[in-house]
Amino acid sequence: MKPTTVSTLRQWKKSGRKFASVTAYDYSFARLFADEGIQVMLVGDSLGMVVQGHDSTLPVTLADIAYHTRAVRRGAPAALLMADLPFMTFATPEQAFASSAELMRAGANMVKIEGGAWLSDTVRQLAERAVPVCGHLGLTPQSVNIFGGYKVQGRDSEAAETLLADALALEAAGAQMLVLECVPVALAQRVTEALAIPVIGIGAGNVTDGQILVMHDAFGITGGHTPKFVKNFLLETGEMRAAVRQYVAEVEAGTYPAEEHSFY
């Protein structure tokens, strides 16, 4: 299979083609996802909660992400593979360089980094050093102790303008992609239309260029509270591969996420 690249996603954005992505943490699921049409995957620090059983993403280490990145890469050699920079592994540009180098050597095509315009210098310097960066705005889980919980972001006009300015700053610094998490649909549309780079939404409505879900959420195997934006595709199909195909089809058609999965 021809590798999926950042250029591929830019072409899809220009043509209006929506795409589905998912978190992956091991060889077997990565291979299944690739077989059923998912070409963009993320080794997310969400593994701290859904794999390791922590109550946040903060305990995840760089070594954890590198380990899972190597496994996912073996399962999906042609996918565009993003890997999260975990909590406090990019506090300085120099630290970000070393952390990114480890994840790129493990098989990542791109690192994902949580934060706004304050990261511009780090993003710029990473891009200069041949490390593609995906920004992450809105609900950034590493900031859970600042937010006071997992809450929708950008609902008031001031917060919305700040988020849009952050997105533009990250793009100007050289970010190749952006994840928007838990923001109102109108704001997600403004950001998606303002940026030339692809925007992937999670809890941001169907107006973004792509969608991403934590795989455990998409299959209904996450315990506890289920976020509003989640849909259990396995419940509808009864079979894992069919569930993945259904997810891809609904994202590409723009029918998922629907209104009931979106914030206004």
Protein backbone atom coordinates (compact mmCIF):
# COMPACT_ATOMS: atom_id res chain seq x y z
CA MET A 1 0.00 0.00 0.00
CA LYS A 2 1.22 3.49 -0.83
CA PRO A 3 2.16 5.36 2.36
CA THR A 4 -0.21 8.07 3.59
CA THR A 5 1.64 11.34 4.13
CA VAL A 6 0.98 14.91 5.22
CA SER A 7 0.77 15.80 1.53
CA THR A 8 -1.96 13.19 1.13
CA LEU A 9 -4.02 14.82 3.87
CA ARG A 10 -3.53 18.30 2.43
CA GLN A 11 -4.84 17.03 -0.91
CA TRP A 12 -7.83 15.51 0.82
CA LYS A 13 -8.57 18.82 2.56
CA LYS A 14 -8.43 20.72 -0.72
CA SER A 15 -10.77 18.26 -2.39
CA GLY A 16 -13.18 18.16 0.57
CA ARG A 17 -12.56 14.50 1.34
CA LYS A 18 -13.11 13.72 5.01
CA PHE A 19 -11.06 11.01 6.70
CA ALA A 20 -11.28 8.84 9.79
CA SER A 21 -8.47 8.25 12.25
CA VAL A 22 -8.20 6.36 15.51
CA THR A 23 -5.89 5.77 18.42
CA ALA A 24 -3.90 2.53 18.30
CA TYR A 25 -1.62 0.97 20.87
CA ASP A 26 -0.58 -2.46 19.57
CA TYR A 27 0.33 -4.46 16.48
CA SER A 28 -2.89 -6.46 16.09
CA PHE A 29 -5.34 -3.58 16.22
CA ALA A 30 -3.10 -1.40 14.07
CA ARG A 31 -3.10 -4.11 11.41
CA LEU A 32 -6.88 -4.49 11.66
CA PHE A 33 -7.42 -0.74 11.33
CA ALA A 34 -5.12 -0.55 8.31
CA ASP A 35 -6.84 -3.52 6.66
CA GLU A 36 -10.25 -1.83 7.05
CA GLY A 37 -9.28 1.53 5.60
CA ILE A 38 -7.90 3.70 8.42
CA GLN A 39 -4.80 5.46 7.11
CA VAL A 40 -4.11 7.87 10.00
CA MET A 41 -3.42 6.61 13.53
CA LEU A 42 -2.32 8.12 16.82
CA VAL A 43 -0.38 6.51 19.63
CA GLY A 44 -2.04 8.70 22.21
CA ASP A 45 -1.14 9.33 25.82
CA SER A 46 -4.75 8.25 26.33
CA LEU A 47 -3.09 4.86 26.81
CA GLY A 48 -2.51 5.99 30.39
CA MET A 49 -6.24 5.72 31.00
CA VAL A 50 -7.50 3.01 28.63
CA VAL A 51 -4.47 0.69 28.71
CA GLN A 52 -2.71 1.38 32.02
CA GLY A 53 -5.76 2.22 34.13
CA HIS A 54 -4.75 5.65 35.43
CA ASP A 55 -7.29 8.43 36.03
CA SER A 56 -5.49 10.86 33.70
CA THR A 57 -2.83 10.94 30.98
CA LEU A 58 -0.22 12.52 33.26
CA PRO A 59 1.59 9.33 34.40
CA VAL A 60 2.45 8.31 30.81
CA THR A 61 6.17 8.38 30.04
CA LEU A 62 8.07 8.92 26.83
CA ALA A 63 9.25 5.31 27.02
CA ASP A 64 5.61 4.16 27.16
CA ILE A 65 4.76 6.07 23.98
CA ALA A 66 7.89 4.85 22.17
CA TYR A 67 7.12 1.23 23.07
CA HIS A 68 3.59 1.40 21.70
CA THR A 69 4.71 3.38 18.64
CA ARG A 70 7.07 0.59 17.63
CA ALA A 71 4.27 -1.97 17.95
CA VAL A 72 1.76 0.09 15.97
CA ARG A 73 4.27 0.83 13.23
CA ARG A 74 4.85 -2.89 12.69
CA GLY A 75 1.10 -3.39 12.32
CA ALA A 76 0.47 -0.43 10.00
CA PRO A 77 3.63 0.25 7.99
CA ALA A 78 1.88 2.52 5.45
CA ALA A 79 -0.22 4.59 7.86
CA LEU A 80 0.53 8.18 8.79
CA LEU A 81 1.43 7.58 12.43
CA MET A 82 1.32 10.33 15.04
CA ALA A 83 2.71 9.93 18.54
CA ASP A 84 1.94 12.08 21.58
CA LEU A 85 4.62 13.96 23.46
CA PRO A 86 3.58 13.14 27.04
CA PHE A 87 3.25 15.51 29.98
CA MET A 88 6.38 17.61 30.63
CA THR A 89 8.45 16.01 27.86
CA PHE A 90 8.47 19.27 25.86
CA ALA A 91 8.84 21.88 28.58
CA THR A 92 11.80 23.40 26.73
CA PRO A 93 12.69 23.27 23.03
CA GLU A 94 15.74 21.16 23.83
CA GLN A 95 13.62 18.66 25.71
CA ALA A 96 11.15 18.60 22.83
CA PHE A 97 13.98 17.86 20.39
CA ALA A 98 15.19 14.85 22.38
CA SER A 99 11.67 13.54 23.02
CA SER A 100 10.67 13.89 19.36
CA ALA A 101 13.84 12.19 18.16
CA GLU A 102 13.03 9.15 20.30
CA LEU A 103 9.48 8.90 18.95
CA MET A 104 10.52 9.43 15.33
CA ARG A 105 13.14 6.68 15.70
CA ALA A 106 10.41 4.44 17.10
CA GLY A 107 8.42 4.86 13.86
CA ALA A 108 6.30 7.99 14.21
CA ASN A 109 5.81 10.24 11.19
CA MET A 110 4.70 13.16 13.35
CA VAL A 111 4.58 14.20 17.00
CA LYS A 112 1.47 15.68 18.61
CA ILE A 113 1.89 18.42 21.16
CA GLU A 114 -0.68 20.06 23.46
CA GLY A 115 -0.69 23.84 23.79
CA GLY A 116 -1.21 27.15 22.03
CA ALA A 117 0.84 30.07 20.76
CA TRP A 118 3.37 29.72 23.58
CA LEU A 119 4.65 26.65 21.73
CA SER A 120 5.35 28.54 18.51
CA ASP A 121 9.13 28.64 18.96
CA THR A 122 9.24 24.93 19.81
CA VAL A 123 7.07 24.04 16.82
CA ARG A 124 9.17 26.20 14.51
CA GLN A 125 12.42 24.66 15.69
CA LEU A 126 11.05 21.12 15.44
CA ALA A 127 9.92 21.79 11.85
CA GLU A 128 13.36 23.19 11.04
CA ARG A 129 14.82 19.92 12.33
CA ALA A 130 12.57 17.78 10.08
CA VAL A 131 10.04 16.83 12.76
CA PRO A 132 6.43 17.29 11.57
CA VAL A 133 4.15 18.56 14.33
CA CYS A 134 0.43 18.17 14.98
CA GLY A 135 -0.93 20.78 17.38
CA HIS A 136 -3.70 20.04 19.87
CA LEU A 137 -6.13 22.73 21.06
CA GLY A 138 -9.42 22.90 22.93
CA LEU A 139 -9.68 20.33 25.70
CA THR A 140 -6.05 19.35 26.19
CA PRO A 141 -6.08 16.44 28.67
CA GLN A 142 -2.62 17.18 30.06
CA SER A 143 -4.11 20.44 31.40
CA VAL A 144 -6.88 18.70 33.32
CA ASN A 145 -5.70 20.19 36.61
CA ILE A 146 -5.82 23.69 35.13
CA PHE A 147 -9.28 23.20 33.60
CA GLY A 148 -10.66 21.56 36.73
CA GLY A 149 -11.91 18.56 34.76
CA TYR A 150 -12.70 17.50 31.22
CA LYS A 151 -14.82 20.41 29.98
CA VAL A 152 -15.84 21.89 26.63
CA GLN A 153 -13.54 24.76 25.66
CA GLY A 154 -14.04 27.94 23.62
CA ARG A 155 -17.69 28.54 24.45
CA ASP A 156 -17.44 32.27 25.19
CA SER A 157 -16.32 34.77 22.58
CA GLU A 158 -13.01 35.65 24.25
CA ALA A 159 -11.98 32.02 24.62
CA ALA A 160 -13.00 31.32 21.03
CA GLU A 161 -10.89 34.18 19.69
CA THR A 162 -7.91 33.02 21.75
CA LEU A 163 -8.24 29.49 20.41
CA LEU A 164 -8.44 30.71 16.81
CA ALA A 165 -5.38 32.91 17.35
CA ASP A 166 -3.52 29.95 18.84
CA ALA A 167 -4.41 27.79 15.82
CA LEU A 168 -3.16 30.43 13.39
CA ALA A 169 0.03 30.87 15.41
CA LEU A 170 0.77 27.15 15.38
CA GLU A 171 0.19 26.95 11.64
CA ALA A 172 2.44 29.98 11.06
CA ALA A 173 5.13 28.30 13.16
CA GLY A 174 5.07 25.27 10.89
CA ALA A 175 2.54 22.84 12.39
CA GLN A 176 1.42 20.37 9.74
CA MET A 177 -1.88 19.38 11.34
CA LEU A 178 -4.19 20.27 14.23
CA VAL A 179 -6.43 18.30 16.59
CA LEU A 180 -9.44 20.16 18.02
CA GLU A 181 -11.00 18.52 21.06
CA CYS A 182 -14.36 19.34 22.67
CA VAL A 183 -15.18 22.71 21.14
CA PRO A 184 -18.46 24.09 19.76
CA VAL A 185 -19.22 23.30 16.14
CA ALA A 186 -19.23 26.96 15.06
CA LEU A 187 -15.73 27.48 16.43
CA ALA A 188 -14.47 24.26 14.87
CA GLN A 189 -15.78 25.43 11.51
CA ARG A 190 -14.06 28.81 11.85
CA VAL A 191 -10.74 27.16 12.66
CA THR A 192 -11.02 24.54 9.91
CA GLU A 193 -11.80 27.17 7.29
CA ALA A 194 -9.08 29.54 8.52
CA LEU A 195 -6.27 26.98 8.30
CA ALA A 196 -4.64 25.49 5.23
CA ILE A 197 -3.49 22.49 7.25
CA PRO A 198 -5.83 19.55 7.98
CA VAL A 199 -7.90 19.78 11.17
CA ILE A 200 -8.95 16.62 12.99
CA GLY A 201 -11.87 16.84 15.38
CA ILE A 202 -12.89 14.90 18.46
CA GLY A 203 -16.03 16.34 19.97
CA ALA A 204 -15.88 19.19 17.43
CA GLY A 205 -18.76 18.29 15.12
CA ASN A 206 -18.62 17.05 11.53
CA VAL A 207 -17.18 20.28 10.11
CA THR A 208 -13.51 19.36 10.52
CA ASP A 209 -11.42 17.69 7.83
CA GLY A 210 -11.03 14.46 9.79
CA GLN A 211 -12.25 12.72 12.93
CA ILE A 212 -10.46 10.77 15.61
CA LEU A 213 -11.75 8.54 18.39
CA VAL A 214 -10.07 6.59 21.15
CA MET A 215 -10.45 3.03 19.89
CA HIS A 216 -11.90 1.79 23.18
CA ASP A 217 -14.64 4.42 22.94
CA ALA A 218 -15.49 3.49 19.35
CA PHE A 219 -16.00 -0.14 20.42
CA GLY A 220 -17.88 0.58 23.66
CA ILE A 221 -15.27 -1.03 25.93
CA THR A 222 -14.43 2.05 27.99
CA GLY A 223 -15.72 1.90 31.54
CA GLY A 224 -17.33 4.77 33.39
CA HIS A 225 -18.59 7.99 31.84
CA THR A 226 -19.08 7.98 28.07
CA PRO A 227 -18.38 11.37 26.44
CA LYS A 228 -21.19 12.92 24.41
CA PHE A 229 -19.18 12.75 21.17
CA VAL A 230 -18.67 8.98 21.36
CA LYS A 231 -20.58 6.48 19.26
CA ASN A 232 -20.37 2.73 19.83
CA PHE A 233 -19.92 1.36 16.33
CA LEU A 234 -19.46 -2.21 17.57
CA LEU A 235 -22.93 -2.16 19.14
CA GLU A 236 -24.46 -1.36 15.75
CA THR A 237 -22.49 -3.90 13.74
CA GLY A 238 -21.70 -6.73 16.15
CA GLU A 239 -18.30 -7.40 14.58
CA MET A 240 -15.01 -5.57 15.02
CA ARG A 241 -14.01 -5.22 11.38
CA ALA A 242 -17.49 -4.18 10.36
CA ALA A 243 -17.47 -1.58 13.13
CA VAL A 244 -14.28 -0.03 11.75
CA ARG A 245 -15.68 0.01 8.22
CA GLN A 246 -18.89 1.65 9.51
CA TYR A 247 -16.89 4.31 11.34
CA VAL A 248 -14.86 5.11 8.23
CA ALA A 249 -17.96 5.23 6.03
CA GLU A 250 -19.90 7.54 8.36
CA VAL A 251 -16.98 9.95 8.76
CA GLU A 252 -16.38 10.10 5.02
CA ALA A 253 -20.10 10.71 4.42
CA GLY A 254 -20.26 13.39 7.11
CA THR A 255 -23.00 11.58 9.03
CA TYR A 256 -20.77 11.04 12.06
CA PRO A 257 -20.55 12.92 14.28
CA ALA A 258 -24.23 13.82 14.19
CA GLU A 259 -25.93 16.61 16.14
CA GLU A 260 -26.31 14.44 19.22
CA HIS A 261 -22.52 13.98 19.33
CA SER A 262 -21.74 17.71 19.00
CA PHE A 263 -21.45 20.77 21.21
CA TYR A 264 -23.16 24.09 20.40
